[in-house]
C-alpha atoms as a PDB file:
ATOM      1  CA  MET A   1     108.365 166.858  89.307  1.00  0.00           C
ATOM      2  CA  ALA A   2     106.035 167.061  86.254  1.00  0.00           C
ATOM      3  CA  THR A   3     104.526 163.746  85.024  1.00  0.00           C
ATOM      4  CA  ALA A   4     102.551 163.055  81.915  1.00  0.00           C
ATOM      5  CA  ARG A   5     100.120 159.888  80.828  1.00  0.00           C
ATOM      6  CA  GLY A   6     100.048 161.238  77.277  1.00  0.00           C
ATOM      7  CA  PHE A   7     100.046 163.998  75.149  1.00  0.00           C
ATOM      8  CA  GLU A   8      97.519 166.496  73.312  1.00  0.00           C
ATOM      9  CA  LEU A   9      98.677 168.226  70.023  1.00  0.00           C
ATOM     10  CA  ILE A  10      96.647 171.097  68.344  1.00  0.00           C
ATOM     11  CA  ASN A  11      97.614 171.289  64.775  1.00  0.00           C
ATOM     12  CA  ASN A  12      97.525 174.948  63.563  1.00  0.00           C
ATOM     13  CA  GLY A  13     100.166 174.595  61.018  1.00  0.00           C
ATOM     14  CA  ALA A  14      99.838 174.166  57.224  1.00  0.00           C
ATOM     15  CA  PHE A  15     101.029 170.346  57.518  1.00  0.00           C
ATOM     16  CA  VAL A  16      99.998 166.875  58.438  1.00  0.00           C
ATOM     17  CA  VAL A  17     101.470 165.601  61.720  1.00  0.00           C
ATOM     18  CA  SER A  18     101.447 162.733  64.067  1.00  0.00           C
ATOM     19  CA  ILE A  19     102.184 162.606  67.841  1.00  0.00           C
ATOM     20  CA  HIS A  20     105.194 160.382  68.896  1.00  0.00           C
ATOM     21  CA  ALA A  21     106.752 159.652  72.192  1.00  0.00           C
ATOM     22  CA  ILE A  22     110.447 159.904  72.739  1.00  0.00           C
ATOM     23  CA  TYR A  23     112.073 157.880  75.672  1.00  0.00           C
ATOM     24  CA  THR A  24     114.987 155.634  76.627  1.00  0.00           C
ATOM     25  CA  ASP A  25     113.994 151.992  76.788  1.00  0.00           C
ATOM     26  CA  SER A  26     115.191 149.374  79.208  1.00  0.00           C
ATOM     27  CA  ALA A  27     118.010 148.444  77.199  1.00  0.00           C
ATOM     28  CA  GLY A  28     119.422 152.029  77.070  1.00  0.00           C
ATOM     29  CA  ASP A  29     118.091 153.025  73.545  1.00  0.00           C
ATOM     30  CA  GLN A  30     116.437 156.049  72.517  1.00  0.00           C
ATOM     31  CA  GLN A  31     112.874 155.208  70.993  1.00  0.00           C
ATOM     32  CA  ASN A  32     110.746 157.647  68.854  1.00  0.00           C
ATOM     33  CA  THR A  33     107.548 155.670  68.771  1.00  0.00           C
ATOM     34  CA  PRO A  34     104.206 157.035  67.102  1.00  0.00           C
ATOM     35  CA  ILE A  35     101.282 156.932  69.292  1.00  0.00           C
ATOM     36  CA  SER A  36      98.820 158.642  67.137  1.00  0.00           C
ATOM     37  CA  GLY A  37      97.818 158.542  63.507  1.00  0.00           C
ATOM     38  CA  ASN A  38      98.387 161.017  61.073  1.00  0.00           C
ATOM     39  CA  PHE A  39      95.989 164.349  61.439  1.00  0.00           C
ATOM     40  CA  PRO A  40      95.714 167.320  59.345  1.00  0.00           C
ATOM     41  CA  LEU A  41      95.461 171.114  59.947  1.00  0.00           C
ATOM     42  CA  GLY A  42      92.703 172.453  62.268  1.00  0.00           C
ATOM     43  CA  THR A  43      92.349 169.181  64.323  1.00  0.00           C
ATOM     44  CA  THR A  44      93.217 167.921  67.819  1.00  0.00           C
ATOM     45  CA  GLU A  45      94.567 164.786  68.866  1.00  0.00           C
ATOM     46  CA  THR A  46      95.182 163.189  72.309  1.00  0.00           C
ATOM     47  CA  ALA A  47      97.373 160.153  72.633  1.00  0.00           C
ATOM     48  CA  THR A  48      98.142 158.397  75.705  1.00  0.00           C
ATOM     49  CA  LEU A  49     101.522 156.132  76.337  1.00  0.00           C
ATOM     50  CA  GLU A  50     100.316 152.898  77.041  1.00  0.00           C
ATOM     51  CA  LYS A  51     101.384 151.938  73.546  1.00  0.00           C
ATOM     52  CA  CYS A  52     104.882 152.420  74.297  1.00  0.00           C
ATOM     53  CA  ALA A  53     107.414 150.060  76.179  1.00  0.00           C
ATOM     54  CA  ILE A  54     107.827 152.647  78.826  1.00  0.00           C
ATOM     55  CA  THR A  55     107.618 152.048  82.543  1.00  0.00           C
ATOM     56  CA  PRO A  56     106.592 154.570  85.242  1.00  0.00           C
ATOM     57  CA  ASN A  57     108.854 157.501  85.917  1.00  0.00           C
ATOM     58  CA  ASP A  58     110.850 156.935  82.696  1.00  0.00           C
ATOM     59  CA  TRP A  59     111.479 160.311  81.232  1.00  0.00           C
ATOM     60  CA  VAL A  60     109.356 161.139  78.038  1.00  0.00           C
ATOM     61  CA  GLN A  61     109.141 163.986  75.430  1.00  0.00           C
ATOM     62  CA  LEU A  62     106.668 164.831  72.898  1.00  0.00           C
ATOM     63  CA  GLY A  63     107.736 164.255  69.660  1.00  0.00           C
ATOM     64  CA  ILE A  64     105.897 165.580  66.585  1.00  0.00           C
ATOM     65  CA  TRP A  65     106.443 164.353  62.910  1.00  0.00           C
ATOM     66  CA  VAL A  66     105.781 166.932  60.187  1.00  0.00           C
ATOM     67  CA  GLN A  67     105.001 165.438  56.952  1.00  0.00           C
ATOM     68  CA  ALA A  68     107.108 166.761  53.989  1.00  0.00           C
ATOM     69  CA  GLY A  69     108.733 168.859  56.778  1.00  0.00           C
ATOM     70  CA  ASP A  70     111.087 169.062  59.655  1.00  0.00           C
ATOM     71  CA  ASP A  71     110.084 167.109  62.766  1.00  0.00           C
ATOM     72  CA  ARG A  72     109.699 168.712  65.968  1.00  0.00           C
ATOM     73  CA  THR A  73     109.929 168.172  69.973  1.00  0.00           C
ATOM     74  CA  GLY A  74     108.218 169.460  72.735  1.00  0.00           C
ATOM     75  CA  SER A  75     109.936 170.912  75.910  1.00  0.00           C
ATOM     76  CA  PRO A  76     109.832 169.918  78.731  1.00  0.00           C
ATOM     77  CA  ASN A  77     110.486 166.476  79.617  1.00  0.00           C
ATOM     78  CA  PHE A  78     108.181 164.427  81.681  1.00  0.00           C
ATOM     79  CA  ARG A  79     108.064 161.363  84.066  1.00  0.00           C
ATOM     80  CA  TYR A  80     106.010 159.010  82.893  1.00  0.00           C
ATOM     81  CA  ASP A  81     102.946 158.426  85.093  1.00  0.00           C
ATOM     82  CA  PRO A  82      99.883 156.242  83.773  1.00  0.00           C
ATOM     83  CA  ASN A  83      97.936 158.386  86.322  1.00  0.00           C
ATOM     84  CA  GLY A  84      99.238 161.725  85.317  1.00  0.00           C
ATOM     85  CA  PRO A  85      97.960 164.469  83.341  1.00  0.00           C
ATOM     86  CA  ILE A  86      97.809 165.018  79.518  1.00  0.00           C
ATOM     87  CA  GLN A  87     100.502 167.719  78.693  1.00  0.00           C
ATOM     88  CA  ALA A  88      99.156 169.960  75.775  1.00  0.00           C
ATOM     89  CA  TYR A  89     101.027 171.373  72.974  1.00  0.00           C
ATOM     90  CA  SER A  90     100.038 173.320  69.758  1.00  0.00           C
ATOM     91  CA  ILE A  91     102.135 173.553  66.604  1.00  0.00           C
ATOM     92  CA  SER A  92     101.776 176.021  63.990  1.00  0.00           C
ATOM     93  CA  GLY A  93     103.462 177.469  60.835  1.00  0.00           C
ATOM     94  CA  THR A  94     104.681 175.786  57.599  1.00  0.00           C
ATOM     95  CA  THR A  95     106.628 172.518  57.025  1.00  0.00           C
ATOM     96  CA  LEU A  96     109.951 174.168  57.166  1.00  0.00           C
ATOM     97  CA  ASP A  97     109.288 176.914  59.897  1.00  0.00           C
ATOM     98  CA  SER A  98     106.942 175.493  62.644  1.00  0.00           C
ATOM     99  CA  THR A  99     106.553 176.565  66.181  1.00  0.00           C
ATOM    100  CA  VAL A 100     105.771 174.181  69.215  1.00  0.00           C
ATOM    101  CA  THR A 101     104.102 175.878  72.132  1.00  0.00           C
ATOM    102  CA  TYR A 102     103.718 174.258  75.525  1.00  0.00           C
ATOM    103  CA  ILE A 103     100.053 174.843  76.771  1.00  0.00           C
ATOM    104  CA  GLY A 104     100.286 172.906  80.061  1.00  0.00           C
ATOM    105  CA  SER A 105      98.773 169.971  81.710  1.00  0.00           C
ATOM    106  CA  ARG A 106      95.130 168.741  81.593  1.00  0.00           C
END
């Protein structure tokens, strides 16, 4: 079972992004919580999940907010582990035609 304590995103896209965590809270509601600030093309950000109301072993997925474009998600889903690895991704393309690539754990 793959785990994550946070996400890294390399922004190779022609737009501004922020990192979100998509998970189900204890009430059973899906949450899409920002865990980073906005950052531009050519930068990399890392954000951990302790800002969320998420508990160990809950499923979590990377969400990417794209300014003036279509938001994206990363695959696969992970189990939250506060001692687990950071899962890394990159995003490239344009606001309406972007691609998310899973790089691996760090």
